[in-house]
């Protein structure tokens, strides 16, 4: 009898453990989903020249293409040459002015090109995400490749996304900038490259429930 009770107790603990893991997985999956952006909603595309669309006309920038793909208003808030310290100062005014339903953050490339402190860059990005979340604005963080022969997103992007619990898009810029047919120069996409970025982001928004 004692043996049977022991087996039953073990079985119960195992089931409880499985239920806990399933619950944690469901919570993680739920946290990765985004609130739906209404058809009249606003997406704020914030960043530097990669957002501005350096190398192409305004109509071919990724925010313009994303607007056409999603049917939502997408504000191009890209400033060429901007570093994260400058972006941190600029973001609050834009959040106040537009009150967006979603923020897409692509910044940090100029910090790396100018060899700014990685810790400071990471901190600035973290504070930008926090500013948006404090106002109830969901954030998508996009990894920017670190300069080098073989391009890949800098390590601090996925780490930051994991710590802050924000959806993260990895690899798309590294893939684009590794393809000569998708670049206008060494560090900027061309028209097909920006379209590729917009398409990946539109698919990501659909997958996460924002559209």
N, C-alpha and C. Protein backbone atom coordinates (compact mmCIF):
# COMPACT_ATOMS: atom_id res chain seq x y z
N UNK A 1 0.83 -1.20 0.00
CA UNK A 1 0.00 0.00 0.00
C UNK A 1 0.87 1.26 0.00
N UNK A 2 1.92 1.22 0.83
CA UNK A 2 2.83 2.36 0.90
C UNK A 2 3.51 2.60 -0.44
N UNK A 3 3.85 1.50 -1.13
CA UNK A 3 4.48 1.63 -2.44
C UNK A 3 3.54 2.25 -3.44
N UNK A 4 2.27 1.85 -3.39
CA UNK A 4 1.27 2.39 -4.31
C UNK A 4 1.08 3.89 -4.05
N UNK A 5 1.02 4.27 -2.79
CA UNK A 5 0.86 5.69 -2.45
C UNK A 5 2.06 6.50 -2.95
N UNK A 6 3.25 5.91 -2.82
CA UNK A 6 4.46 6.61 -3.28
C UNK A 6 4.43 6.82 -4.78
N UNK A 7 4.00 5.77 -5.52
CA UNK A 7 3.90 5.88 -6.98
C UNK A 7 2.88 6.94 -7.37
N UNK A 8 1.73 6.94 -6.67
CA UNK A 8 0.69 7.92 -6.98
C UNK A 8 1.18 9.34 -6.70
N UNK A 9 1.94 9.50 -5.61
CA UNK A 9 2.46 10.82 -5.27
C UNK A 9 3.45 11.30 -6.33
N UNK A 10 4.31 10.39 -6.76
CA UNK A 10 5.28 10.74 -7.81
C UNK A 10 4.57 11.13 -9.10
N UNK A 11 3.53 10.36 -9.44
CA UNK A 11 2.76 10.63 -10.66
C UNK A 11 2.10 12.00 -10.57
N UNK A 12 1.56 12.31 -9.38
CA UNK A 12 0.91 13.61 -9.20
C UNK A 12 1.91 14.75 -9.36
N UNK A 13 3.11 14.58 -8.76
CA UNK A 13 4.13 15.62 -8.87
C UNK A 13 4.57 15.80 -10.31
N UNK A 14 4.66 14.68 -11.04
CA UNK A 14 5.06 14.76 -12.44
C UNK A 14 4.02 15.52 -13.26
N UNK A 15 2.74 15.22 -13.01
CA UNK A 15 1.66 15.92 -13.73
C UNK A 15 1.66 17.40 -13.37
N UNK A 16 1.89 17.69 -12.10
CA UNK A 16 1.91 19.09 -11.67
C UNK A 16 3.06 19.83 -12.34
N UNK A 17 4.22 19.15 -12.43
CA UNK A 17 5.37 19.76 -13.09
C UNK A 17 5.11 20.02 -14.56
N UNK A 18 4.46 19.07 -15.23
CA UNK A 18 4.14 19.25 -16.65
C UNK A 18 3.16 20.40 -16.83
N UNK A 19 2.17 20.48 -15.94
CA UNK A 19 1.20 21.56 -16.03
C UNK A 19 1.87 22.92 -15.86
N UNK A 20 2.85 22.97 -14.93
CA UNK A 20 3.59 24.22 -14.70
C UNK A 20 4.36 24.63 -15.95
N UNK A 21 5.04 23.65 -16.58
CA UNK A 21 5.82 23.95 -17.78
C UNK A 21 4.93 24.40 -18.93
N UNK A 22 3.79 23.73 -19.07
CA UNK A 22 2.86 24.11 -20.14
C UNK A 22 2.34 25.52 -19.90
N UNK A 23 2.05 25.82 -18.64
CA UNK A 23 1.58 27.16 -18.31
C UNK A 23 2.61 28.22 -18.59
N UNK A 24 3.88 27.90 -18.24
CA UNK A 24 4.96 28.85 -18.51
C UNK A 24 5.14 29.07 -20.00
N UNK A 25 5.06 27.99 -20.79
CA UNK A 25 5.20 28.10 -22.24
C UNK A 25 4.08 28.94 -22.82
N UNK A 26 2.86 28.71 -22.34
CA UNK A 26 1.72 29.49 -22.83
C UNK A 26 1.89 30.96 -22.49
N UNK A 27 2.41 31.23 -21.29
CA UNK A 27 2.62 32.62 -20.88
C UNK A 27 3.66 33.29 -21.76
N UNK A 28 4.74 32.55 -22.06
CA UNK A 28 5.78 33.11 -22.93
C UNK A 28 5.24 33.39 -24.32
N UNK A 29 4.47 32.44 -24.85
CA UNK A 29 3.90 32.64 -26.18
C UNK A 29 2.95 33.83 -26.18
N UNK A 30 2.16 33.97 -25.09
CA UNK A 30 1.22 35.08 -25.02
C UNK A 30 1.97 36.40 -24.95
N UNK A 31 3.10 36.42 -24.20
CA UNK A 31 3.84 37.66 -24.04
C UNK A 31 4.48 38.11 -25.35
N UNK A 32 4.70 37.17 -26.26
CA UNK A 32 5.31 37.52 -27.54
C UNK A 32 4.30 38.05 -28.54
N UNK A 33 3.03 37.91 -28.25
CA UNK A 33 2.01 38.41 -29.16
C UNK A 33 1.83 39.91 -28.99
N UNK A 34 1.30 40.55 -30.04
CA UNK A 34 1.11 41.98 -30.04
C UNK A 34 -0.37 42.32 -30.06
N UNK A 35 -0.70 43.46 -29.51
CA UNK A 35 -2.08 43.94 -29.60
C UNK A 35 -2.38 44.30 -31.05
N UNK A 36 -3.62 44.07 -31.44
CA UNK A 36 -4.02 44.38 -32.81
C UNK A 36 -3.96 45.89 -33.07
N UNK A 37 -3.34 46.26 -34.18
CA UNK A 37 -3.31 47.66 -34.59
C UNK A 37 -4.55 47.94 -35.43
N UNK A 38 -5.46 48.79 -34.98
CA UNK A 38 -6.69 49.04 -35.75
C UNK A 38 -6.39 49.63 -37.11
N UNK A 39 -7.36 49.55 -38.00
CA UNK A 39 -7.15 50.05 -39.36
C UNK A 39 -6.85 51.54 -39.37
N UNK A 40 -7.34 52.25 -38.35
CA UNK A 40 -7.05 53.68 -38.24
C UNK A 40 -5.83 53.95 -37.35
N UNK A 41 -5.14 52.88 -36.97
CA UNK A 41 -4.02 53.01 -36.05
C UNK A 41 -2.76 53.57 -36.69
N UNK A 42 -1.78 53.87 -35.83
CA UNK A 42 -0.53 54.47 -36.28
C UNK A 42 0.64 53.60 -35.83
N UNK A 43 1.54 53.31 -36.76
CA UNK A 43 2.79 52.63 -36.45
C UNK A 43 3.91 53.66 -36.58
N UNK A 44 4.71 53.80 -35.53
CA UNK A 44 5.83 54.73 -35.56
C UNK A 44 7.10 53.96 -35.88
N UNK A 45 7.66 54.21 -37.06
CA UNK A 45 8.92 53.59 -37.48
C UNK A 45 10.04 54.53 -37.07
N UNK A 46 10.79 54.15 -36.03
CA UNK A 46 11.77 55.05 -35.44
C UNK A 46 13.18 54.50 -35.66
N UNK A 47 14.10 55.40 -36.01
CA UNK A 47 15.47 54.95 -36.21
C UNK A 47 16.33 55.96 -36.94
N UNK A 48 17.33 55.45 -37.63
CA UNK A 48 18.30 56.30 -38.31
C UNK A 48 18.09 56.22 -39.83
N UNK A 49 19.18 56.16 -40.59
CA UNK A 49 19.07 56.18 -42.05
C UNK A 49 18.40 54.93 -42.61
N UNK A 50 18.48 53.80 -41.90
CA UNK A 50 17.83 52.58 -42.36
C UNK A 50 16.32 52.73 -42.34
N UNK A 51 15.82 53.55 -41.44
CA UNK A 51 14.39 53.85 -41.40
C UNK A 51 14.05 54.98 -42.36
N UNK A 52 14.90 56.00 -42.39
CA UNK A 52 14.67 57.13 -43.29
C UNK A 52 14.59 56.69 -44.74
N UNK A 53 15.45 55.74 -45.12
CA UNK A 53 15.45 55.25 -46.48
C UNK A 53 16.58 55.81 -47.33
N UNK A 54 17.72 56.07 -46.71
CA UNK A 54 18.88 56.58 -47.45
C UNK A 54 19.21 55.65 -48.62
N UNK A 55 19.37 56.25 -49.78
CA UNK A 55 19.68 55.49 -50.99
C UNK A 55 18.52 55.33 -51.94
N UNK A 56 17.31 55.67 -51.47
CA UNK A 56 16.12 55.56 -52.33
C UNK A 56 15.23 56.78 -52.08
N UNK A 57 14.19 56.92 -52.90
CA UNK A 57 13.23 57.98 -52.70
C UNK A 57 12.31 57.67 -51.53
N UNK A 58 11.59 58.69 -51.02
CA UNK A 58 10.71 58.49 -49.86
C UNK A 58 9.68 57.39 -50.06
N UNK A 59 9.20 57.23 -51.29
CA UNK A 59 8.16 56.24 -51.56
C UNK A 59 8.69 54.81 -51.51
N UNK A 60 10.01 54.64 -51.52
CA UNK A 60 10.59 53.30 -51.49
C UNK A 60 11.21 52.95 -50.14
N UNK A 61 11.11 53.86 -49.17
CA UNK A 61 11.60 53.56 -47.83
C UNK A 61 10.78 52.43 -47.23
N UNK A 62 11.34 51.73 -46.25
CA UNK A 62 10.58 50.62 -45.69
C UNK A 62 9.29 51.08 -45.01
N UNK A 63 9.25 52.25 -44.31
CA UNK A 63 7.97 52.66 -43.73
C UNK A 63 6.88 52.89 -44.79
N UNK A 64 7.26 53.47 -45.93
CA UNK A 64 6.28 53.71 -46.98
C UNK A 64 5.76 52.40 -47.55
N UNK A 65 6.64 51.44 -47.77
CA UNK A 65 6.23 50.14 -48.30
C UNK A 65 5.39 49.40 -47.25
N UNK A 66 5.79 49.48 -45.99
CA UNK A 66 5.04 48.81 -44.93
C UNK A 66 3.64 49.38 -44.82
N UNK A 67 3.50 50.67 -45.00
CA UNK A 67 2.17 51.29 -44.98
C UNK A 67 1.29 50.71 -46.08
N UNK A 68 1.86 50.56 -47.27
CA UNK A 68 1.10 50.00 -48.39
C UNK A 68 0.74 48.54 -48.14
N UNK A 69 1.62 47.79 -47.50
CA UNK A 69 1.39 46.37 -47.26
C UNK A 69 0.38 46.11 -46.16
N UNK A 70 0.32 47.01 -45.17
CA UNK A 70 -0.51 46.78 -44.00
C UNK A 70 -1.82 47.55 -43.99
N UNK A 71 -1.88 48.62 -44.75
CA UNK A 71 -3.08 49.46 -44.72
C UNK A 71 -3.15 50.34 -43.49
N UNK A 72 -2.07 50.39 -42.70
CA UNK A 72 -2.00 51.25 -41.52
C UNK A 72 -1.11 52.45 -41.82
N UNK A 73 -1.35 53.55 -41.11
CA UNK A 73 -0.49 54.71 -41.24
C UNK A 73 0.84 54.40 -40.58
N UNK A 74 1.93 54.56 -41.34
CA UNK A 74 3.27 54.32 -40.81
C UNK A 74 4.06 55.62 -40.90
N UNK A 75 4.43 56.16 -39.75
CA UNK A 75 5.18 57.41 -39.69
C UNK A 75 6.67 57.11 -39.84
N UNK A 76 7.30 57.74 -40.82
CA UNK A 76 8.74 57.58 -41.01
C UNK A 76 9.45 58.57 -40.10
N UNK A 77 9.96 58.06 -38.98
CA UNK A 77 10.69 58.89 -38.02
C UNK A 77 12.16 58.51 -38.02
N UNK A 78 12.73 58.41 -39.21
CA UNK A 78 14.14 58.09 -39.35
C UNK A 78 14.98 59.33 -39.57
N UNK A 79 16.12 59.41 -38.89
CA UNK A 79 17.05 60.53 -39.04
C UNK A 79 18.43 59.98 -39.40
N UNK A 80 18.90 60.24 -40.60
CA UNK A 80 20.22 59.72 -41.01
C UNK A 80 21.32 60.18 -40.06
N UNK A 81 22.22 59.26 -39.74
CA UNK A 81 23.37 59.59 -38.91
C UNK A 81 23.11 59.62 -37.42
N UNK A 82 21.89 59.41 -37.01
CA UNK A 82 21.56 59.53 -35.58
C UNK A 82 22.16 58.38 -34.77
N UNK A 83 22.68 58.72 -33.59
CA UNK A 83 23.12 57.71 -32.63
C UNK A 83 22.05 57.57 -31.56
N UNK A 84 22.15 56.51 -30.77
CA UNK A 84 21.07 56.19 -29.83
C UNK A 84 20.89 57.27 -28.76
N UNK A 85 21.96 57.96 -28.37
CA UNK A 85 21.82 59.03 -27.37
C UNK A 85 20.92 60.14 -27.91
N UNK A 86 21.05 60.44 -29.21
CA UNK A 86 20.20 61.46 -29.83
C UNK A 86 18.78 60.94 -29.99
N UNK A 87 18.65 59.66 -30.34
CA UNK A 87 17.33 59.07 -30.48
C UNK A 87 16.56 59.07 -29.18
N UNK A 88 17.27 58.81 -28.08
CA UNK A 88 16.63 58.79 -26.77
C UNK A 88 16.03 60.16 -26.44
N UNK A 89 16.70 61.23 -26.84
CA UNK A 89 16.18 62.58 -26.59
C UNK A 89 15.00 62.90 -27.50
N UNK A 90 15.00 62.34 -28.70
CA UNK A 90 13.98 62.67 -29.71
C UNK A 90 12.69 61.88 -29.53
N UNK A 91 12.78 60.66 -29.03
CA UNK A 91 11.62 59.77 -28.99
C UNK A 91 10.45 60.29 -28.16
N UNK A 92 10.65 60.83 -26.96
CA UNK A 92 9.49 61.24 -26.17
C UNK A 92 8.56 62.21 -26.89
N UNK A 93 9.12 63.17 -27.62
CA UNK A 93 8.28 64.12 -28.35
C UNK A 93 7.44 63.47 -29.41
N UNK A 94 7.98 62.46 -30.08
CA UNK A 94 7.24 61.75 -31.13
C UNK A 94 6.14 60.88 -30.53
N UNK A 95 6.43 60.25 -29.41
CA UNK A 95 5.40 59.45 -28.73
C UNK A 95 4.24 60.34 -28.31
N UNK A 96 4.56 61.53 -27.84
CA UNK A 96 3.53 62.47 -27.42
C UNK A 96 2.74 63.01 -28.61
N UNK A 97 3.46 63.29 -29.70
CA UNK A 97 2.81 63.90 -30.86
C UNK A 97 1.90 62.92 -31.60
N UNK A 98 2.33 61.68 -31.76
CA UNK A 98 1.60 60.72 -32.59
C UNK A 98 0.78 59.71 -31.79
N UNK A 99 1.14 59.48 -30.54
CA UNK A 99 0.47 58.48 -29.71
C UNK A 99 0.24 57.18 -30.52
N UNK A 100 1.33 56.56 -30.95
CA UNK A 100 1.22 55.41 -31.86
C UNK A 100 0.67 54.16 -31.17
N UNK A 101 0.19 53.25 -31.98
CA UNK A 101 -0.29 51.96 -31.50
C UNK A 101 0.83 50.93 -31.46
N UNK A 102 1.95 51.25 -32.12
CA UNK A 102 3.08 50.33 -32.19
C UNK A 102 4.33 51.11 -32.55
N UNK A 103 5.46 50.73 -31.95
CA UNK A 103 6.75 51.32 -32.28
C UNK A 103 7.67 50.25 -32.84
N UNK A 104 8.26 50.52 -34.01
CA UNK A 104 9.28 49.64 -34.58
C UNK A 104 10.61 50.36 -34.43
N UNK A 105 11.53 49.77 -33.66
CA UNK A 105 12.78 50.42 -33.31
C UNK A 105 13.95 49.76 -34.05
N UNK A 106 14.59 50.55 -34.92
CA UNK A 106 15.80 50.08 -35.64
C UNK A 106 16.86 51.16 -35.46
N UNK A 107 17.72 50.97 -34.48
CA UNK A 107 18.75 51.98 -34.23
C UNK A 107 19.94 51.32 -33.54
N UNK A 108 21.07 51.97 -33.64
CA UNK A 108 22.30 51.47 -33.02
C UNK A 108 23.44 51.28 -34.00
N UNK A 109 23.13 51.27 -35.30
CA UNK A 109 24.17 51.05 -36.29
C UNK A 109 25.23 52.14 -36.29
N UNK A 110 24.80 53.39 -36.11
CA UNK A 110 25.78 54.48 -36.10
C UNK A 110 26.65 54.46 -34.86
N UNK A 111 26.09 54.00 -33.75
CA UNK A 111 26.91 53.84 -32.54
C UNK A 111 28.05 52.86 -32.81
N UNK A 112 27.71 51.74 -33.46
CA UNK A 112 28.74 50.73 -33.74
C UNK A 112 29.75 51.24 -34.75
N UNK A 113 29.30 51.95 -35.78
CA UNK A 113 30.21 52.49 -36.78
C UNK A 113 31.17 53.50 -36.16
N UNK A 114 30.70 54.24 -35.16
CA UNK A 114 31.53 55.26 -34.51
C UNK A 114 32.22 54.73 -33.26
N UNK A 115 32.09 53.42 -33.05
CA UNK A 115 32.75 52.75 -31.93
C UNK A 115 32.34 53.36 -30.58
N UNK A 116 31.05 53.66 -30.45
CA UNK A 116 30.55 54.13 -29.17
C UNK A 116 30.46 52.94 -28.20
N UNK A 117 30.39 53.24 -26.92
CA UNK A 117 30.31 52.21 -25.90
C UNK A 117 29.10 51.30 -26.13
N UNK A 118 29.35 49.99 -26.22
CA UNK A 118 28.26 49.04 -26.41
C UNK A 118 27.30 49.07 -25.22
N UNK A 119 27.86 49.23 -24.02
CA UNK A 119 27.02 49.29 -22.84
C UNK A 119 26.09 50.50 -22.88
N UNK A 120 26.62 51.65 -23.32
CA UNK A 120 25.81 52.86 -23.42
C UNK A 120 24.76 52.72 -24.52
N UNK A 121 25.14 52.12 -25.63
CA UNK A 121 24.18 51.90 -26.72
C UNK A 121 23.04 51.02 -26.24
N UNK A 122 23.38 49.95 -25.59
CA UNK A 122 22.37 49.04 -25.05
C UNK A 122 21.47 49.75 -24.05
N UNK A 123 22.06 50.56 -23.18
CA UNK A 123 21.27 51.29 -22.18
C UNK A 123 20.32 52.27 -22.84
N UNK A 124 20.79 52.96 -23.88
CA UNK A 124 19.93 53.92 -24.58
C UNK A 124 18.74 53.21 -25.23
N UNK A 125 19.00 52.08 -25.87
CA UNK A 125 17.92 51.31 -26.49
C UNK A 125 16.94 50.83 -25.43
N UNK A 126 17.46 50.37 -24.31
CA UNK A 126 16.61 49.89 -23.22
C UNK A 126 15.70 51.01 -22.72
N UNK A 127 16.25 52.20 -22.58
CA UNK A 127 15.45 53.32 -22.10
C UNK A 127 14.40 53.75 -23.12
N UNK A 128 14.71 53.62 -24.42
CA UNK A 128 13.72 53.92 -25.45
C UNK A 128 12.54 52.95 -25.36
N UNK A 129 12.86 51.67 -25.22
CA UNK A 129 11.80 50.66 -25.10
C UNK A 129 10.96 50.94 -23.87
N UNK A 130 11.60 51.27 -22.77
CA UNK A 130 10.88 51.54 -21.53
C UNK A 130 9.98 52.76 -21.65
N UNK A 131 10.47 53.80 -22.32
CA UNK A 131 9.65 55.00 -22.53
C UNK A 131 8.36 54.66 -23.27
N UNK A 132 8.47 53.84 -24.30
CA UNK A 132 7.30 53.47 -25.07
C UNK A 132 6.36 52.61 -24.24
N UNK A 133 6.90 51.60 -23.55
CA UNK A 133 6.07 50.70 -22.77
C UNK A 133 5.37 51.42 -21.63
N UNK A 134 6.02 52.43 -21.06
CA UNK A 134 5.38 53.21 -19.99
C UNK A 134 4.14 53.94 -20.47
N UNK A 135 4.09 54.22 -21.78
CA UNK A 135 2.92 54.88 -22.37
C UNK A 135 1.98 53.87 -23.02
N UNK A 136 2.23 52.58 -22.77
CA UNK A 136 1.35 51.55 -23.31
C UNK A 136 1.55 51.27 -24.78
N UNK A 137 2.72 51.63 -25.31
CA UNK A 137 2.99 51.42 -26.73
C UNK A 137 3.84 50.16 -26.89
N UNK A 138 3.32 49.12 -27.56
CA UNK A 138 4.12 47.91 -27.80
C UNK A 138 5.32 48.24 -28.70
N UNK A 139 6.40 47.49 -28.52
CA UNK A 139 7.65 47.74 -29.25
C UNK A 139 8.10 46.47 -29.96
N UNK A 140 8.54 46.64 -31.20
CA UNK A 140 9.25 45.58 -31.92
C UNK A 140 10.69 46.06 -32.09
N UNK A 141 11.63 45.25 -31.64
CA UNK A 141 13.05 45.57 -31.78
C UNK A 141 13.63 44.79 -32.94
N UNK A 142 14.34 45.48 -33.82
CA UNK A 142 14.96 44.86 -34.99
C UNK A 142 16.48 44.87 -34.82
N UNK A 143 17.10 43.70 -34.96
CA UNK A 143 18.53 43.59 -34.80
C UNK A 143 19.29 44.26 -35.93
N UNK A 144 20.31 45.03 -35.58
CA UNK A 144 21.17 45.71 -36.56
C UNK A 144 22.52 44.99 -36.58
N UNK A 145 23.04 44.71 -37.77
CA UNK A 145 24.31 43.97 -37.84
C UNK A 145 25.50 44.78 -37.36
N UNK A 146 26.41 44.08 -36.70
CA UNK A 146 27.66 44.66 -36.26
C UNK A 146 28.60 44.69 -37.46
N UNK A 147 29.33 45.79 -37.71
CA UNK A 147 30.25 45.84 -38.85
C UNK A 147 31.25 44.70 -38.80
N UNK A 148 31.50 44.10 -39.95
CA UNK A 148 32.43 42.99 -40.02
C UNK A 148 32.32 42.28 -41.35
N UNK A 149 33.15 41.29 -41.54
CA UNK A 149 33.17 40.55 -42.79
C UNK A 149 31.91 39.70 -42.95
N UNK A 150 31.56 38.96 -41.90
CA UNK A 150 30.34 38.16 -41.90
C UNK A 150 29.31 38.84 -41.02
N UNK A 151 28.28 39.39 -41.64
CA UNK A 151 27.32 40.21 -40.91
C UNK A 151 26.35 39.37 -40.09
N UNK A 152 26.11 39.83 -38.87
CA UNK A 152 25.12 39.23 -37.98
C UNK A 152 24.71 40.31 -36.99
N UNK A 153 23.48 40.22 -36.49
CA UNK A 153 23.02 41.20 -35.52
C UNK A 153 23.93 41.21 -34.30
N UNK A 154 24.22 42.39 -33.77
CA UNK A 154 25.02 42.49 -32.56
C UNK A 154 24.35 41.72 -31.43
N UNK A 155 25.15 41.09 -30.59
CA UNK A 155 24.64 40.19 -29.55
C UNK A 155 23.68 40.87 -28.58
N UNK A 156 23.85 42.17 -28.36
CA UNK A 156 23.04 42.80 -27.32
C UNK A 156 21.57 42.97 -27.73
N UNK A 157 21.26 42.87 -29.01
CA UNK A 157 19.86 43.02 -29.43
C UNK A 157 18.98 41.88 -28.91
N UNK A 158 19.29 40.61 -29.20
CA UNK A 158 18.44 39.54 -28.67
C UNK A 158 18.46 39.49 -27.15
N UNK A 159 19.60 39.81 -26.54
CA UNK A 159 19.68 39.83 -25.08
C UNK A 159 18.73 40.88 -24.51
N UNK A 160 18.73 42.05 -25.13
CA UNK A 160 17.88 43.14 -24.67
C UNK A 160 16.40 42.79 -24.86
N UNK A 161 16.07 42.23 -26.01
CA UNK A 161 14.68 41.85 -26.28
C UNK A 161 14.20 40.83 -25.27
N UNK A 162 15.06 39.88 -24.92
CA UNK A 162 14.69 38.85 -23.95
C UNK A 162 14.50 39.45 -22.56
N UNK A 163 15.38 40.35 -22.17
CA UNK A 163 15.29 40.97 -20.85
C UNK A 163 14.06 41.85 -20.72
N UNK A 164 13.72 42.56 -21.78
CA UNK A 164 12.60 43.51 -21.73
C UNK A 164 11.28 42.88 -22.15
N UNK A 165 11.33 41.66 -22.66
CA UNK A 165 10.11 40.98 -23.06
C UNK A 165 9.42 41.61 -24.25
N UNK A 166 10.20 41.99 -25.26
CA UNK A 166 9.62 42.59 -26.47
C UNK A 166 9.88 41.69 -27.67
N UNK A 167 8.96 41.65 -28.62
CA UNK A 167 9.17 40.86 -29.84
C UNK A 167 10.42 41.35 -30.58
N UNK A 168 11.13 40.39 -31.15
CA UNK A 168 12.43 40.70 -31.76
C UNK A 168 12.52 40.11 -33.16
N UNK A 169 12.98 40.92 -34.10
CA UNK A 169 13.19 40.49 -35.48
C UNK A 169 14.69 40.42 -35.72
N UNK A 170 15.18 39.22 -35.96
CA UNK A 170 16.63 39.02 -36.09
C UNK A 170 17.00 38.60 -37.51
N UNK A 171 18.16 39.07 -37.96
CA UNK A 171 18.75 38.54 -39.19
C UNK A 171 18.36 39.19 -40.48
N UNK A 172 17.21 39.88 -40.52
CA UNK A 172 16.76 40.39 -41.82
C UNK A 172 17.72 41.44 -42.37
N UNK A 173 18.19 42.37 -41.55
CA UNK A 173 19.12 43.39 -42.05
C UNK A 173 20.47 42.79 -42.40
N UNK A 174 20.92 41.83 -41.61
CA UNK A 174 22.18 41.15 -41.93
C UNK A 174 22.08 40.42 -43.27
N UNK A 175 20.95 39.78 -43.51
CA UNK A 175 20.75 39.07 -44.78
C UNK A 175 20.71 40.04 -45.95
N UNK A 176 20.01 41.15 -45.77
CA UNK A 176 19.89 42.13 -46.85
C UNK A 176 21.25 42.74 -47.18
N UNK A 177 21.97 43.14 -46.14
CA UNK A 177 23.25 43.82 -46.35
C UNK A 177 24.38 42.87 -46.71
N UNK A 178 24.09 41.57 -46.70
CA UNK A 178 25.07 40.58 -47.17
C UNK A 178 24.87 40.25 -48.64
N UNK A 179 23.82 40.80 -49.24
CA UNK A 179 23.45 40.51 -50.62
C UNK A 179 23.71 41.76 -51.48
N UNK A 180 24.67 41.68 -52.38
CA UNK A 180 25.01 42.83 -53.21
C UNK A 180 23.83 43.32 -54.03
N UNK A 181 22.92 42.41 -54.37
CA UNK A 181 21.75 42.79 -55.17
C UNK A 181 20.70 43.55 -54.40
N UNK A 182 20.88 43.65 -53.07
CA UNK A 182 19.88 44.33 -52.23
C UNK A 182 20.43 45.57 -51.55
N UNK A 183 21.64 46.03 -51.99
CA UNK A 183 22.29 47.17 -51.35
C UNK A 183 22.47 48.33 -52.33
N UNK A 184 22.32 49.55 -51.80
CA UNK A 184 22.63 50.74 -52.59
C UNK A 184 24.06 51.20 -52.32
N UNK A 185 24.59 50.87 -51.14
CA UNK A 185 25.98 51.12 -50.79
C UNK A 185 26.38 50.11 -49.72
N UNK A 186 27.48 50.34 -49.04
CA UNK A 186 27.98 49.35 -48.09
C UNK A 186 27.05 49.12 -46.90
N UNK A 187 26.29 50.15 -46.51
CA UNK A 187 25.51 50.03 -45.27
C UNK A 187 24.02 50.31 -45.45
N UNK A 188 23.57 50.51 -46.69
CA UNK A 188 22.14 50.80 -46.89
C UNK A 188 21.54 49.90 -47.96
N UNK A 189 20.30 49.47 -47.77
CA UNK A 189 19.61 48.70 -48.81
C UNK A 189 19.29 49.57 -50.02
N UNK A 190 18.97 48.91 -51.12
CA UNK A 190 18.40 49.60 -52.28
C UNK A 190 16.88 49.39 -52.24
N UNK A 191 16.20 49.73 -53.33
CA UNK A 191 14.74 49.62 -53.32
C UNK A 191 14.26 48.20 -53.04
N UNK A 192 14.78 47.16 -53.73
CA UNK A 192 14.36 45.79 -53.39
C UNK A 192 14.73 45.41 -51.95
N UNK A 193 15.84 45.96 -51.45
CA UNK A 193 16.24 45.64 -50.07
C UNK A 193 15.28 46.20 -49.05
N UNK A 194 14.90 47.46 -49.22
CA UNK A 194 13.92 48.05 -48.30
C UNK A 194 12.57 47.33 -48.40
N UNK A 195 12.21 46.93 -49.62
CA UNK A 195 10.95 46.17 -49.76
C UNK A 195 11.04 44.85 -49.02
N UNK A 196 12.18 44.19 -49.09
CA UNK A 196 12.35 42.93 -48.37
C UNK A 196 12.16 43.16 -46.86
N UNK A 197 12.75 44.22 -46.34
CA UNK A 197 12.61 44.54 -44.92
C UNK A 197 11.15 44.77 -44.57
N UNK A 198 10.45 45.54 -45.39
CA UNK A 198 9.03 45.81 -45.13
C UNK A 198 8.20 44.54 -45.18
N UNK A 199 8.50 43.66 -46.12
CA UNK A 199 7.74 42.42 -46.25
C UNK A 199 7.95 41.52 -45.03
N UNK A 200 9.19 41.44 -44.57
CA UNK A 200 9.48 40.62 -43.38
C UNK A 200 8.75 41.18 -42.16
N UNK A 201 8.75 42.50 -42.03
CA UNK A 201 8.07 43.12 -40.89
C UNK A 201 6.55 42.94 -40.99
N UNK A 202 6.00 43.05 -42.19
CA UNK A 202 4.55 42.85 -42.36
C UNK A 202 4.17 41.42 -42.00
N UNK A 203 4.96 40.45 -42.43
CA UNK A 203 4.70 39.05 -42.07
C UNK A 203 4.80 38.86 -40.56
N UNK A 204 5.78 39.49 -39.95
CA UNK A 204 5.97 39.38 -38.50
C UNK A 204 4.76 39.95 -37.76
N UNK A 205 4.26 41.08 -38.23
CA UNK A 205 3.08 41.69 -37.60
C UNK A 205 1.87 40.77 -37.69
N UNK A 206 1.71 40.11 -38.82
CA UNK A 206 0.59 39.17 -38.98
C UNK A 206 0.77 37.97 -38.06
N UNK A 207 1.96 37.44 -38.00
CA UNK A 207 2.21 36.26 -37.17
C UNK A 207 1.97 36.55 -35.69
N UNK A 208 2.27 37.78 -35.27
CA UNK A 208 2.15 38.11 -33.85
C UNK A 208 0.80 38.74 -33.50
N UNK A 209 -0.12 38.80 -34.47
CA UNK A 209 -1.47 39.24 -34.17
C UNK A 209 -1.70 40.73 -34.26
N UNK A 210 -0.72 41.49 -34.74
CA UNK A 210 -0.90 42.94 -34.83
C UNK A 210 -1.78 43.35 -36.01
N UNK A 211 -1.90 42.48 -37.01
CA UNK A 211 -2.73 42.76 -38.19
C UNK A 211 -3.81 41.72 -38.32
